[in-house]
Amino acid sequence: MSRRRVRRAPLRVALAARVAGGAVTVPSPARAASPVLPGNEGDVGVTDYYLDRVLGGPGTLGSAVLMTRGRSLYLRGANNANFTTMGFAGSAHVGGPNNLGNLYTVTVPGQTVTEVAAHRFDAPSHARSRYTIGTTWVTADLTKFVTDDNVAVTVVTFSNPGGSAATLTVRAASPLATRAGPGTAALTCTCGPRRTSPPARTPRP
């Protein structure tokens, strides 16, 4: 949890969670870092991927399925929580059929965070949207994506076009990662898919 004083200049907060071997952890900087955010690389002279231009969908038209996914981590089903809640909310799955629920969420305690649906964009490489923060002038522009090695990254940029500063508390929480991990900002859990034994088979006489 952190307190953020938002002035006229934008303030950026980056969050990431890595899912590997059934454990949710904070990834190392080498794994979490991306040279540039999705949407800023691609064909020479343009600022997006070709597939994003073909398959990307603006606004709330069409499916609410989050397109971005890793090798095994993805959010399953048409769930508006994928977009109305900051972070990775909805039905997270890691390879198997078990629904893990929210991977993690980003909230502003004491304030109602509301998506501006007209700013929603969903594409294979990333998703983005904009949110209003309560009755303040502060807005949050969010970009999120899942890398190939199952790192779920959320980047939130807070902007305040109002005439006075606003002090906000920004909280990232996961119902899965609840145990202290290495470092002061790390939480871990073990939440791999459940394995069940096959039913006993009676040999034929």
N, C-alpha and C. Protein backbone atom coordinates (compact mmCIF):
# COMPACT_ATOMS: atom_id res chain seq x y z
N MET A 1 0.85 -1.18 0.00
CA MET A 1 0.00 0.00 0.00
C MET A 1 0.89 1.23 0.00
N SER A 2 0.55 2.24 -0.75
CA SER A 2 1.35 3.45 -0.80
C SER A 2 0.45 4.66 -0.92
N ARG A 3 0.93 5.78 -0.37
CA ARG A 3 0.19 7.02 -0.47
C ARG A 3 0.82 7.85 -1.58
N ARG A 4 -0.01 8.39 -2.45
CA ARG A 4 0.46 9.13 -3.60
C ARG A 4 -0.15 10.52 -3.60
N ARG A 5 0.69 11.54 -3.69
CA ARG A 5 0.22 12.91 -3.80
C ARG A 5 0.27 13.29 -5.28
N VAL A 6 -0.87 13.46 -5.88
CA VAL A 6 -0.95 13.66 -7.32
C VAL A 6 -1.07 15.14 -7.62
N ARG A 7 -0.06 15.69 -8.27
CA ARG A 7 -0.09 17.08 -8.69
C ARG A 7 -0.40 17.14 -10.18
N ARG A 8 -0.05 18.26 -10.80
CA ARG A 8 -0.40 18.42 -12.20
C ARG A 8 0.36 17.43 -13.08
N ALA A 9 1.63 17.13 -12.70
CA ALA A 9 2.42 16.20 -13.50
C ALA A 9 1.93 14.79 -13.27
N PRO A 10 1.87 13.95 -14.34
CA PRO A 10 1.41 12.56 -14.18
C PRO A 10 2.33 11.77 -13.27
N LEU A 11 1.76 10.85 -12.54
CA LEU A 11 2.49 9.95 -11.66
C LEU A 11 2.24 8.54 -12.13
N ARG A 12 3.31 7.78 -12.35
CA ARG A 12 3.16 6.42 -12.89
C ARG A 12 3.51 5.39 -11.83
N VAL A 13 2.68 4.37 -11.74
CA VAL A 13 2.90 3.26 -10.82
C VAL A 13 2.88 1.98 -11.64
N ALA A 14 3.90 1.14 -11.50
CA ALA A 14 3.96 -0.13 -12.23
C ALA A 14 3.89 -1.28 -11.24
N LEU A 15 3.07 -2.26 -11.56
CA LEU A 15 2.88 -3.43 -10.71
C LEU A 15 3.02 -4.67 -11.57
N ALA A 16 3.52 -5.74 -10.99
CA ALA A 16 3.66 -6.97 -11.76
C ALA A 16 3.54 -8.17 -10.84
N ALA A 17 3.00 -9.24 -11.39
CA ALA A 17 2.96 -10.51 -10.67
C ALA A 17 3.37 -11.60 -11.65
N ARG A 18 4.16 -12.54 -11.19
CA ARG A 18 4.62 -13.62 -12.04
C ARG A 18 4.04 -14.93 -11.54
N VAL A 19 3.53 -15.71 -12.46
CA VAL A 19 3.00 -17.03 -12.10
C VAL A 19 3.90 -18.08 -12.72
N ALA A 20 4.52 -18.89 -11.88
CA ALA A 20 5.41 -19.93 -12.39
C ALA A 20 5.40 -21.10 -11.42
N GLY A 21 5.22 -22.27 -11.96
CA GLY A 21 5.24 -23.46 -11.13
C GLY A 21 4.18 -23.46 -10.05
N GLY A 22 3.03 -22.83 -10.34
CA GLY A 22 1.96 -22.80 -9.37
C GLY A 22 2.12 -21.77 -8.29
N ALA A 23 3.13 -20.87 -8.39
CA ALA A 23 3.34 -19.85 -7.36
C ALA A 23 3.21 -18.46 -7.97
N VAL A 24 2.57 -17.57 -7.21
CA VAL A 24 2.47 -16.18 -7.63
C VAL A 24 3.53 -15.41 -6.87
N THR A 25 4.45 -14.76 -7.57
CA THR A 25 5.53 -14.02 -6.94
C THR A 25 5.72 -12.69 -7.64
N VAL A 26 6.49 -11.81 -7.00
CA VAL A 26 6.92 -10.59 -7.68
C VAL A 26 8.13 -10.95 -8.53
N PRO A 27 8.10 -10.68 -9.84
CA PRO A 27 9.20 -11.11 -10.71
C PRO A 27 10.44 -10.27 -10.49
N SER A 28 11.57 -10.82 -10.90
CA SER A 28 12.80 -10.05 -10.86
C SER A 28 12.70 -8.91 -11.87
N PRO A 29 13.46 -7.82 -11.66
CA PRO A 29 13.40 -6.72 -12.62
C PRO A 29 13.67 -7.15 -14.05
N ALA A 30 14.56 -8.12 -14.23
CA ALA A 30 14.88 -8.57 -15.59
C ALA A 30 13.67 -9.20 -16.26
N ARG A 31 12.85 -9.92 -15.48
CA ARG A 31 11.67 -10.57 -16.05
C ARG A 31 10.51 -9.60 -16.21
N ALA A 32 10.37 -8.67 -15.24
CA ALA A 32 9.22 -7.77 -15.28
C ALA A 32 9.42 -6.64 -16.27
N ALA A 33 10.67 -6.24 -16.48
CA ALA A 33 10.92 -5.08 -17.32
C ALA A 33 10.63 -5.39 -18.78
N SER A 34 10.09 -4.42 -19.44
CA SER A 34 9.87 -4.52 -20.88
C SER A 34 10.57 -3.33 -21.52
N PRO A 35 11.29 -3.50 -22.63
CA PRO A 35 11.99 -2.35 -23.23
C PRO A 35 11.05 -1.18 -23.49
N VAL A 36 9.87 -1.46 -23.96
CA VAL A 36 8.83 -0.46 -24.16
C VAL A 36 7.49 -1.12 -23.91
N LEU A 37 6.50 -0.34 -23.57
CA LEU A 37 5.18 -0.91 -23.33
C LEU A 37 4.59 -1.42 -24.62
N PRO A 38 3.78 -2.47 -24.57
CA PRO A 38 3.09 -2.94 -25.77
C PRO A 38 2.30 -1.79 -26.39
N GLY A 39 2.35 -1.74 -27.71
CA GLY A 39 1.72 -0.65 -28.42
C GLY A 39 2.72 0.39 -28.87
N ASN A 40 3.97 0.32 -28.34
CA ASN A 40 4.99 1.28 -28.73
C ASN A 40 6.10 0.63 -29.55
N GLU A 41 5.91 -0.61 -29.95
CA GLU A 41 6.86 -1.26 -30.83
C GLU A 41 6.07 -1.94 -31.93
N GLY A 42 6.74 -2.32 -32.97
CA GLY A 42 6.02 -2.96 -34.07
C GLY A 42 6.58 -2.50 -35.40
N ASP A 43 5.70 -2.29 -36.36
CA ASP A 43 6.15 -1.90 -37.68
C ASP A 43 6.87 -0.55 -37.63
N VAL A 44 7.86 -0.39 -38.50
CA VAL A 44 8.63 0.85 -38.56
C VAL A 44 7.70 2.00 -38.95
N GLY A 45 7.78 3.09 -38.17
CA GLY A 45 7.00 4.27 -38.50
C GLY A 45 5.62 4.31 -37.90
N VAL A 46 5.17 3.25 -37.21
CA VAL A 46 3.87 3.26 -36.56
C VAL A 46 4.06 2.89 -35.08
N THR A 47 3.00 2.95 -34.31
CA THR A 47 3.13 2.77 -32.87
C THR A 47 2.32 1.61 -32.34
N ASP A 48 2.00 0.63 -33.17
CA ASP A 48 1.27 -0.52 -32.66
C ASP A 48 1.59 -1.75 -33.48
N TYR A 49 1.17 -2.90 -32.97
CA TYR A 49 1.33 -4.15 -33.68
C TYR A 49 0.28 -4.27 -34.79
N TYR A 50 0.64 -4.97 -35.83
CA TYR A 50 -0.31 -5.19 -36.93
C TYR A 50 -1.54 -5.95 -36.43
N LEU A 51 -1.32 -7.00 -35.61
CA LEU A 51 -2.46 -7.78 -35.11
C LEU A 51 -3.36 -6.94 -34.19
N ASP A 52 -2.77 -5.98 -33.49
CA ASP A 52 -3.60 -5.11 -32.66
C ASP A 52 -4.54 -4.28 -33.52
N ARG A 53 -4.04 -3.84 -34.67
CA ARG A 53 -4.89 -3.05 -35.56
C ARG A 53 -5.98 -3.91 -36.19
N VAL A 54 -5.69 -5.18 -36.40
CA VAL A 54 -6.68 -6.07 -37.02
C VAL A 54 -7.70 -6.55 -35.99
N LEU A 55 -7.23 -6.96 -34.81
CA LEU A 55 -8.10 -7.61 -33.84
C LEU A 55 -8.50 -6.72 -32.67
N GLY A 56 -7.80 -5.62 -32.46
CA GLY A 56 -8.09 -4.76 -31.33
C GLY A 56 -9.49 -4.16 -31.41
N GLY A 57 -10.14 -4.09 -30.24
CA GLY A 57 -11.50 -3.57 -30.20
C GLY A 57 -11.62 -2.40 -29.24
N PRO A 58 -12.08 -1.23 -29.70
CA PRO A 58 -12.26 -0.08 -28.81
C PRO A 58 -13.62 -0.12 -28.13
N GLY A 59 -13.72 0.53 -26.98
CA GLY A 59 -15.00 0.65 -26.29
C GLY A 59 -15.50 -0.68 -25.75
N THR A 60 -16.80 -0.74 -25.48
CA THR A 60 -17.39 -1.93 -24.87
C THR A 60 -18.07 -2.83 -25.89
N LEU A 61 -17.98 -2.48 -27.18
CA LEU A 61 -18.60 -3.33 -28.20
C LEU A 61 -17.86 -4.65 -28.29
N GLY A 62 -18.60 -5.72 -28.54
CA GLY A 62 -17.97 -7.03 -28.70
C GLY A 62 -17.78 -7.71 -27.36
N SER A 63 -16.77 -8.57 -27.30
CA SER A 63 -16.57 -9.42 -26.13
C SER A 63 -15.80 -8.70 -25.04
N ALA A 64 -16.07 -9.10 -23.79
CA ALA A 64 -15.32 -8.57 -22.64
C ALA A 64 -14.18 -9.50 -22.26
N VAL A 65 -13.80 -10.40 -23.16
CA VAL A 65 -12.69 -11.32 -22.90
C VAL A 65 -11.37 -10.57 -23.02
N LEU A 66 -10.51 -10.69 -22.01
CA LEU A 66 -9.19 -10.08 -22.06
C LEU A 66 -8.30 -10.88 -23.00
N MET A 67 -7.83 -10.25 -24.08
CA MET A 67 -7.08 -10.99 -25.10
C MET A 67 -5.66 -11.32 -24.67
N THR A 68 -4.98 -10.41 -23.99
CA THR A 68 -3.58 -10.65 -23.66
C THR A 68 -3.45 -11.84 -22.72
N ARG A 69 -2.46 -12.69 -22.97
CA ARG A 69 -2.25 -13.89 -22.15
C ARG A 69 -0.81 -14.36 -22.28
N GLY A 70 -0.38 -15.19 -21.33
CA GLY A 70 0.95 -15.76 -21.37
C GLY A 70 0.90 -17.18 -21.87
N ARG A 71 1.99 -17.93 -21.63
CA ARG A 71 2.02 -19.32 -22.09
C ARG A 71 0.95 -20.16 -21.40
N SER A 72 0.69 -19.90 -20.11
CA SER A 72 -0.33 -20.66 -19.41
C SER A 72 -1.27 -19.78 -18.60
N LEU A 73 -0.90 -18.54 -18.32
CA LEU A 73 -1.73 -17.64 -17.53
C LEU A 73 -2.67 -16.84 -18.43
N TYR A 74 -3.95 -16.87 -18.10
CA TYR A 74 -4.92 -16.08 -18.85
C TYR A 74 -6.14 -15.85 -17.99
N LEU A 75 -6.95 -14.85 -18.37
CA LEU A 75 -8.22 -14.61 -17.69
C LEU A 75 -9.32 -15.11 -18.59
N ARG A 76 -10.12 -16.02 -18.07
CA ARG A 76 -11.06 -16.77 -18.88
C ARG A 76 -12.46 -16.16 -18.84
N GLY A 77 -13.12 -16.20 -19.97
CA GLY A 77 -14.53 -15.83 -20.04
C GLY A 77 -14.76 -14.35 -20.25
N ALA A 78 -15.99 -14.04 -20.66
CA ALA A 78 -16.40 -12.64 -20.87
C ALA A 78 -16.82 -12.07 -19.53
N ASN A 79 -15.91 -11.36 -18.89
CA ASN A 79 -16.14 -10.84 -17.56
C ASN A 79 -15.78 -9.36 -17.55
N ASN A 80 -16.76 -8.49 -17.32
CA ASN A 80 -16.48 -7.05 -17.32
C ASN A 80 -15.51 -6.64 -16.23
N ALA A 81 -15.34 -7.48 -15.18
CA ALA A 81 -14.36 -7.17 -14.14
C ALA A 81 -12.96 -7.08 -14.72
N ASN A 82 -12.73 -7.72 -15.88
CA ASN A 82 -11.44 -7.59 -16.55
C ASN A 82 -11.09 -6.14 -16.81
N PHE A 83 -12.12 -5.29 -16.93
CA PHE A 83 -11.90 -3.90 -17.30
C PHE A 83 -12.42 -2.92 -16.25
N THR A 84 -13.55 -3.21 -15.60
CA THR A 84 -14.12 -2.26 -14.66
C THR A 84 -13.30 -2.15 -13.38
N THR A 85 -12.47 -3.16 -13.09
CA THR A 85 -11.60 -3.16 -11.92
C THR A 85 -10.15 -3.03 -12.39
N MET A 86 -9.39 -2.13 -11.78
CA MET A 86 -7.99 -1.98 -12.15
C MET A 86 -7.19 -3.19 -11.67
N GLY A 87 -6.20 -3.58 -12.44
CA GLY A 87 -5.40 -4.75 -12.14
C GLY A 87 -5.84 -5.92 -12.99
N PHE A 88 -5.73 -7.12 -12.44
CA PHE A 88 -6.16 -8.33 -13.15
C PHE A 88 -7.25 -9.02 -12.33
N ALA A 89 -8.48 -8.54 -12.49
CA ALA A 89 -9.63 -9.11 -11.80
C ALA A 89 -10.39 -9.99 -12.78
N GLY A 90 -11.18 -10.91 -12.23
CA GLY A 90 -11.95 -11.81 -13.09
C GLY A 90 -11.68 -13.25 -12.75
N SER A 91 -11.53 -14.07 -13.76
CA SER A 91 -11.36 -15.51 -13.57
C SER A 91 -9.99 -15.93 -14.11
N ALA A 92 -8.97 -15.86 -13.25
CA ALA A 92 -7.61 -16.21 -13.66
C ALA A 92 -7.45 -17.72 -13.70
N HIS A 93 -6.82 -18.20 -14.75
CA HIS A 93 -6.53 -19.62 -14.90
C HIS A 93 -5.05 -19.78 -15.27
N VAL A 94 -4.46 -20.85 -14.77
CA VAL A 94 -3.07 -21.17 -15.12
C VAL A 94 -3.05 -22.55 -15.72
N GLY A 95 -3.28 -22.63 -17.01
CA GLY A 95 -3.21 -23.89 -17.71
C GLY A 95 -4.43 -24.78 -17.53
N GLY A 96 -4.78 -25.08 -16.29
CA GLY A 96 -5.84 -26.03 -16.02
C GLY A 96 -7.21 -25.40 -15.93
N PRO A 97 -8.21 -26.19 -15.53
CA PRO A 97 -9.59 -25.72 -15.51
C PRO A 97 -9.97 -24.97 -14.24
N ASN A 98 -9.08 -24.93 -13.23
CA ASN A 98 -9.45 -24.36 -11.94
C ASN A 98 -9.44 -22.84 -11.98
N ASN A 99 -10.55 -22.24 -11.57
CA ASN A 99 -10.69 -20.79 -11.54
C ASN A 99 -10.05 -20.26 -10.26
N LEU A 100 -9.00 -19.43 -10.41
CA LEU A 100 -8.30 -18.87 -9.25
C LEU A 100 -8.91 -17.55 -8.81
N GLY A 101 -9.88 -17.02 -9.55
CA GLY A 101 -10.48 -15.74 -9.21
C GLY A 101 -9.57 -14.59 -9.58
N ASN A 102 -9.60 -13.52 -8.79
CA ASN A 102 -8.75 -12.36 -9.07
C ASN A 102 -7.28 -12.71 -8.88
N LEU A 103 -6.44 -12.30 -9.84
CA LEU A 103 -4.99 -12.43 -9.65
C LEU A 103 -4.51 -11.35 -8.70
N TYR A 104 -4.80 -10.09 -9.00
CA TYR A 104 -4.62 -8.98 -8.07
C TYR A 104 -5.44 -7.79 -8.55
N THR A 105 -5.78 -6.90 -7.63
CA THR A 105 -6.56 -5.72 -7.97
C THR A 105 -5.84 -4.48 -7.46
N VAL A 106 -6.14 -3.35 -8.08
CA VAL A 106 -5.58 -2.06 -7.68
C VAL A 106 -6.76 -1.17 -7.30
N THR A 107 -6.77 -0.66 -6.09
CA THR A 107 -7.87 0.16 -5.60
C THR A 107 -7.34 1.46 -5.02
N VAL A 108 -8.24 2.41 -4.82
CA VAL A 108 -7.94 3.68 -4.16
C VAL A 108 -8.90 3.77 -2.98
N PRO A 109 -8.49 3.30 -1.79
CA PRO A 109 -9.40 3.28 -0.65
C PRO A 109 -10.00 4.65 -0.36
N GLY A 110 -11.30 4.65 -0.07
CA GLY A 110 -11.99 5.89 0.21
C GLY A 110 -12.51 6.60 -1.02
N GLN A 111 -12.20 6.07 -2.21
CA GLN A 111 -12.64 6.67 -3.45
C GLN A 111 -13.31 5.62 -4.33
N THR A 112 -14.30 6.05 -5.09
CA THR A 112 -14.95 5.16 -6.05
C THR A 112 -14.23 5.27 -7.38
N VAL A 113 -13.68 4.16 -7.84
CA VAL A 113 -12.95 4.14 -9.11
C VAL A 113 -13.92 3.66 -10.20
N THR A 114 -14.12 4.50 -11.22
CA THR A 114 -15.10 4.21 -12.27
C THR A 114 -14.42 4.23 -13.63
N GLU A 115 -14.63 3.16 -14.39
CA GLU A 115 -14.04 3.11 -15.73
C GLU A 115 -14.77 4.06 -16.67
N VAL A 116 -13.98 4.73 -17.52
CA VAL A 116 -14.54 5.52 -18.62
C VAL A 116 -14.51 4.60 -19.83
N ALA A 117 -15.63 3.91 -20.07
CA ALA A 117 -15.66 2.81 -21.02
C ALA A 117 -15.29 3.23 -22.43
N ALA A 118 -15.50 4.48 -22.78
CA ALA A 118 -15.17 4.93 -24.12
C ALA A 118 -13.67 4.87 -24.39
N HIS A 119 -12.86 4.82 -23.32
CA HIS A 119 -11.40 4.77 -23.48
C HIS A 119 -10.87 3.34 -23.44
N ARG A 120 -11.77 2.36 -23.36
CA ARG A 120 -11.33 0.96 -23.30
C ARG A 120 -10.80 0.52 -24.65
N PHE A 121 -9.70 -0.25 -24.62
CA PHE A 121 -9.15 -0.85 -25.84
C PHE A 121 -8.60 -2.21 -25.46
N ASP A 122 -8.99 -3.23 -26.20
CA ASP A 122 -8.59 -4.61 -25.91
C ASP A 122 -7.94 -5.19 -27.15
N ALA A 123 -6.71 -5.68 -27.02
CA ALA A 123 -5.96 -6.19 -28.17
C ALA A 123 -5.12 -7.37 -27.73
N PRO A 124 -4.58 -8.14 -28.69
CA PRO A 124 -3.77 -9.30 -28.32
C PRO A 124 -2.54 -8.97 -27.47
N SER A 125 -1.90 -7.83 -27.71
CA SER A 125 -0.67 -7.53 -26.99
C SER A 125 -0.92 -6.86 -25.65
N HIS A 126 -2.05 -6.13 -25.49
CA HIS A 126 -2.28 -5.37 -24.27
C HIS A 126 -3.72 -4.89 -24.21
N ALA A 127 -4.11 -4.40 -23.05
CA ALA A 127 -5.40 -3.74 -22.88
C ALA A 127 -5.15 -2.42 -22.18
N ARG A 128 -6.02 -1.45 -22.42
CA ARG A 128 -5.88 -0.18 -21.72
C ARG A 128 -7.26 0.44 -21.50
N SER A 129 -7.34 1.30 -20.49
CA SER A 129 -8.57 2.01 -20.21
C SER A 129 -8.26 3.21 -19.33
N ARG A 130 -9.29 4.00 -19.04
CA ARG A 130 -9.16 5.19 -18.19
C ARG A 130 -10.19 5.10 -17.08
N TYR A 131 -9.85 5.66 -15.91
CA TYR A 131 -10.71 5.60 -14.74
C TYR A 131 -10.76 6.97 -14.08
N THR A 132 -11.93 7.32 -13.54
CA THR A 132 -12.04 8.51 -12.71
C THR A 132 -11.91 8.08 -11.25
N ILE A 133 -11.34 8.96 -10.43
CA ILE A 133 -11.09 8.65 -9.03
C ILE A 133 -12.02 9.51 -8.17
N GLY A 134 -13.14 8.92 -7.77
CA GLY A 134 -14.09 9.61 -6.91
C GLY A 134 -14.55 10.93 -7.48
N THR A 135 -14.64 11.93 -6.60
CA THR A 135 -15.07 13.27 -7.01
C THR A 135 -13.87 14.18 -7.24
N THR A 136 -12.67 13.61 -7.21
CA THR A 136 -11.48 14.41 -7.49
C THR A 136 -11.36 14.63 -8.99
N TRP A 137 -10.41 15.46 -9.37
CA TRP A 137 -10.13 15.66 -10.80
C TRP A 137 -9.16 14.60 -11.33
N VAL A 138 -8.69 13.73 -10.46
CA VAL A 138 -7.65 12.76 -10.83
C VAL A 138 -8.23 11.69 -11.76
N THR A 139 -7.48 11.37 -12.80
CA THR A 139 -7.81 10.25 -13.67
C THR A 139 -6.64 9.27 -13.66
N ALA A 140 -6.96 8.02 -13.92
CA ALA A 140 -5.94 6.96 -13.97
C ALA A 140 -5.99 6.31 -15.35
N ASP A 141 -4.90 6.38 -16.08
CA ASP A 141 -4.78 5.70 -17.37
C ASP A 141 -4.02 4.41 -17.14
N LEU A 142 -4.65 3.30 -17.49
CA LEU A 142 -4.10 1.98 -17.19
C LEU A 142 -3.75 1.23 -18.46
N THR A 143 -2.58 0.62 -18.47
CA THR A 143 -2.18 -0.32 -19.52
C THR A 143 -1.77 -1.62 -18.83
N LYS A 144 -2.25 -2.76 -19.32
CA LYS A 144 -1.87 -4.02 -18.72
C LYS A 144 -1.66 -5.07 -19.79
N PHE A 145 -0.80 -6.03 -19.48
CA PHE A 145 -0.49 -7.09 -20.43
C PHE A 145 0.12 -8.26 -19.67
N VAL A 146 0.09 -9.43 -20.31
CA VAL A 146 0.70 -10.64 -19.76
C VAL A 146 1.81 -11.05 -20.71
N THR A 147 3.02 -11.21 -20.18
CA THR A 147 4.14 -11.59 -21.03
C THR A 147 4.14 -13.08 -21.29
N ASP A 148 5.00 -13.51 -22.19
CA ASP A 148 5.05 -14.92 -22.57
C ASP A 148 5.38 -15.82 -21.39
N ASP A 149 6.21 -15.31 -20.44
CA ASP A 149 6.55 -16.16 -19.29
C ASP A 149 5.66 -15.85 -18.08
N ASN A 150 4.39 -15.48 -18.37
CA ASN A 150 3.34 -15.39 -17.36
C ASN A 150 3.56 -14.28 -16.33
N VAL A 151 4.10 -13.16 -16.75
CA VAL A 151 4.20 -11.99 -15.89
C VAL A 151 3.03 -11.07 -16.22
N ALA A 152 2.15 -10.85 -15.25
CA ALA A 152 0.99 -9.97 -15.42
C ALA A 152 1.38 -8.57 -14.95
N VAL A 153 1.48 -7.63 -15.88
CA VAL A 153 2.00 -6.29 -15.60
C VAL A 153 0.87 -5.27 -15.73
N THR A 154 0.74 -4.40 -14.75
CA THR A 154 -0.20 -3.29 -14.80
C THR A 154 0.56 -2.00 -14.59
N VAL A 155 0.40 -1.06 -15.50
CA VAL A 155 1.01 0.26 -15.38
C VAL A 155 -0.11 1.28 -15.29
N VAL A 156 -0.14 2.04 -14.19
CA VAL A 156 -1.18 3.04 -13.97
C VAL A 156 -0.53 4.41 -13.91
N THR A 157 -1.01 5.34 -14.73
CA THR A 157 -0.53 6.72 -14.72
C THR A 157 -1.64 7.62 -14.18
N PHE A 158 -1.39 8.25 -13.04
CA PHE A 158 -2.37 9.15 -12.43
C PHE A 158 -2.09 10.58 -12.89
N SER A 159 -3.13 11.27 -13.32
CA SER A 159 -3.00 12.65 -13.76
C SER A 159 -4.04 13.51 -13.04
N ASN A 160 -3.65 14.74 -12.72
CA ASN A 160 -4.55 15.65 -12.02
C ASN A 160 -4.61 16.98 -12.77
N PRO A 161 -5.63 17.18 -13.61
CA PRO A 161 -5.75 18.45 -14.34
C PRO A 161 -6.37 19.56 -13.49
N GLY A 162 -6.72 19.26 -12.24
CA GLY A 162 -7.34 20.25 -11.36
C GLY A 162 -6.34 21.28 -10.87
N GLY A 163 -6.83 22.24 -10.16
CA GLY A 163 -5.98 23.33 -9.69
C GLY A 163 -5.30 23.07 -8.37
N SER A 164 -5.68 22.01 -7.65
CA SER A 164 -5.07 21.72 -6.35
C SER A 164 -4.62 20.27 -6.29
N ALA A 165 -3.66 20.02 -5.41
CA ALA A 165 -3.12 18.66 -5.27
C ALA A 165 -4.14 17.77 -4.57
N ALA A 166 -4.06 16.47 -4.86
CA ALA A 166 -4.93 15.48 -4.22
C ALA A 166 -4.05 14.38 -3.64
N THR A 167 -4.27 14.04 -2.40
CA THR A 167 -3.51 12.97 -1.75
C THR A 167 -4.37 11.71 -1.73
N LEU A 168 -3.86 10.65 -2.34
CA LEU A 168 -4.60 9.40 -2.47
C LEU A 168 -3.77 8.24 -1.95
N THR A 169 -4.44 7.22 -1.49
CA THR A 169 -3.79 5.96 -1.14
C THR A 169 -4.08 4.95 -2.24
N VAL A 170 -3.03 4.35 -2.77
CA VAL A 170 -3.18 3.35 -3.84
C VAL A 170 -2.79 1.99 -3.26
N ARG A 171 -3.70 1.02 -3.37
CA ARG A 171 -3.45 -0.29 -2.77
C ARG A 171 -3.56 -1.39 -3.82
N ALA A 172 -2.54 -2.23 -3.90
CA ALA A 172 -2.57 -3.43 -4.73
C ALA A 172 -2.69 -4.63 -3.80
N ALA A 173 -3.66 -5.50 -4.07
CA ALA A 173 -3.88 -6.65 -3.19
C ALA A 173 -4.22 -7.87 -4.02
N SER A 174 -3.79 -9.03 -3.53
CA SER A 174 -4.08 -10.29 -4.19
C SER A 174 -4.66 -11.26 -3.19
N PRO A 175 -5.80 -11.89 -3.51
CA PRO A 175 -6.33 -12.92 -2.62
C PRO A 175 -5.50 -14.20 -2.66
N LEU A 176 -4.58 -14.29 -3.62
CA LEU A 176 -3.76 -15.49 -3.76
C LEU A 176 -2.43 -15.35 -3.04
N ALA A 177 -1.75 -14.23 -3.24
CA ALA A 177 -0.43 -14.02 -2.64
C ALA A 177 -0.61 -13.35 -1.28
N THR A 178 -0.49 -14.10 -0.22
CA THR A 178 -0.74 -13.58 1.12
C THR A 178 0.43 -13.82 2.07
N ARG A 179 1.44 -14.57 1.64
CA ARG A 179 2.58 -14.86 2.52
C ARG A 179 3.75 -13.98 2.16
N ALA A 180 4.49 -13.53 3.18
CA ALA A 180 5.66 -12.69 2.94
C ALA A 180 6.69 -13.46 2.12
N GLY A 181 7.27 -12.78 1.14
CA GLY A 181 8.28 -13.38 0.29
C GLY A 181 9.60 -12.67 0.47
N PRO A 182 10.55 -12.91 -0.44
CA PRO A 182 11.84 -12.24 -0.33
C PRO A 182 11.69 -10.74 -0.58
N GLY A 183 12.38 -9.93 0.22
CA GLY A 183 12.28 -8.49 0.06
C GLY A 183 11.10 -7.92 0.82
N THR A 184 11.04 -6.60 0.89
CA THR A 184 9.99 -5.95 1.67
C THR A 184 8.71 -5.75 0.88
N ALA A 185 8.74 -5.93 -0.43
CA ALA A 185 7.56 -5.68 -1.26
C ALA A 185 7.10 -6.93 -1.99
N ALA A 186 7.45 -8.10 -1.47
CA ALA A 186 7.13 -9.34 -2.16
C ALA A 186 6.14 -10.17 -1.35
N LEU A 187 5.15 -10.71 -2.05
CA LEU A 187 4.21 -11.65 -1.48
C LEU A 187 4.19 -12.89 -2.36
N THR A 188 4.02 -14.05 -1.77
CA THR A 188 4.01 -15.29 -2.55
C THR A 188 2.84 -16.17 -2.13
N CYS A 189 2.57 -17.16 -2.95
CA CYS A 189 1.61 -18.20 -2.60
C CYS A 189 1.88 -19.39 -3.48
N THR A 190 1.33 -20.51 -3.10
CA THR A 190 1.35 -21.70 -3.94
C THR A 190 -0.08 -22.00 -4.32
N CYS A 191 -0.39 -21.88 -5.60
CA CYS A 191 -1.79 -22.02 -6.01
C CYS A 191 -1.86 -22.75 -7.34
N GLY A 192 -1.10 -23.81 -7.45
CA GLY A 192 -1.11 -24.58 -8.68
C GLY A 192 -2.41 -25.35 -8.86
N PRO A 193 -2.65 -25.83 -10.06
CA PRO A 193 -3.88 -26.59 -10.29
C PRO A 193 -3.92 -27.85 -9.45
N ARG A 194 -5.08 -28.15 -8.95
CA ARG A 194 -5.22 -29.36 -8.14
C ARG A 194 -5.12 -30.59 -9.02
N ARG A 195 -4.44 -31.57 -8.50
CA ARG A 195 -4.30 -32.84 -9.23
C ARG A 195 -5.11 -33.90 -8.50
N THR A 196 -5.91 -34.59 -9.22
CA THR A 196 -6.72 -35.65 -8.63
C THR A 196 -6.30 -36.99 -9.20
N SER A 197 -6.39 -37.99 -8.35
CA SER A 197 -6.01 -39.33 -8.81
C SER A 197 -7.11 -39.89 -9.70
N PRO A 198 -6.75 -40.64 -10.71
CA PRO A 198 -7.78 -41.25 -11.57
C PRO A 198 -8.56 -42.29 -10.79
N PRO A 199 -9.81 -42.53 -11.17
CA PRO A 199 -10.61 -43.53 -10.44
C PRO A 199 -9.98 -44.91 -10.54
N ALA A 200 -10.15 -45.66 -9.47
CA ALA A 200 -9.59 -47.03 -9.45
C ALA A 200 -10.30 -47.88 -10.50
N ARG A 201 -9.51 -48.68 -11.17
CA ARG A 201 -10.05 -49.55 -12.21
C ARG A 201 -10.03 -51.00 -11.73
N THR A 202 -11.14 -51.68 -11.87
CA THR A 202 -11.23 -53.07 -11.47
C THR A 202 -10.80 -53.97 -12.64
N PRO A 203 -9.76 -54.76 -12.42
CA PRO A 203 -9.30 -55.63 -13.53
C PRO A 203 -10.38 -56.61 -13.95
N ARG A 204 -10.43 -56.87 -15.21
CA ARG A 204 -11.38 -57.85 -15.70
C ARG A 204 -10.96 -59.26 -15.31
N PRO A 205 -11.93 -60.11 -15.03
CA PRO A 205 -11.56 -61.50 -14.64
C PRO A 205 -10.96 -62.24 -15.82
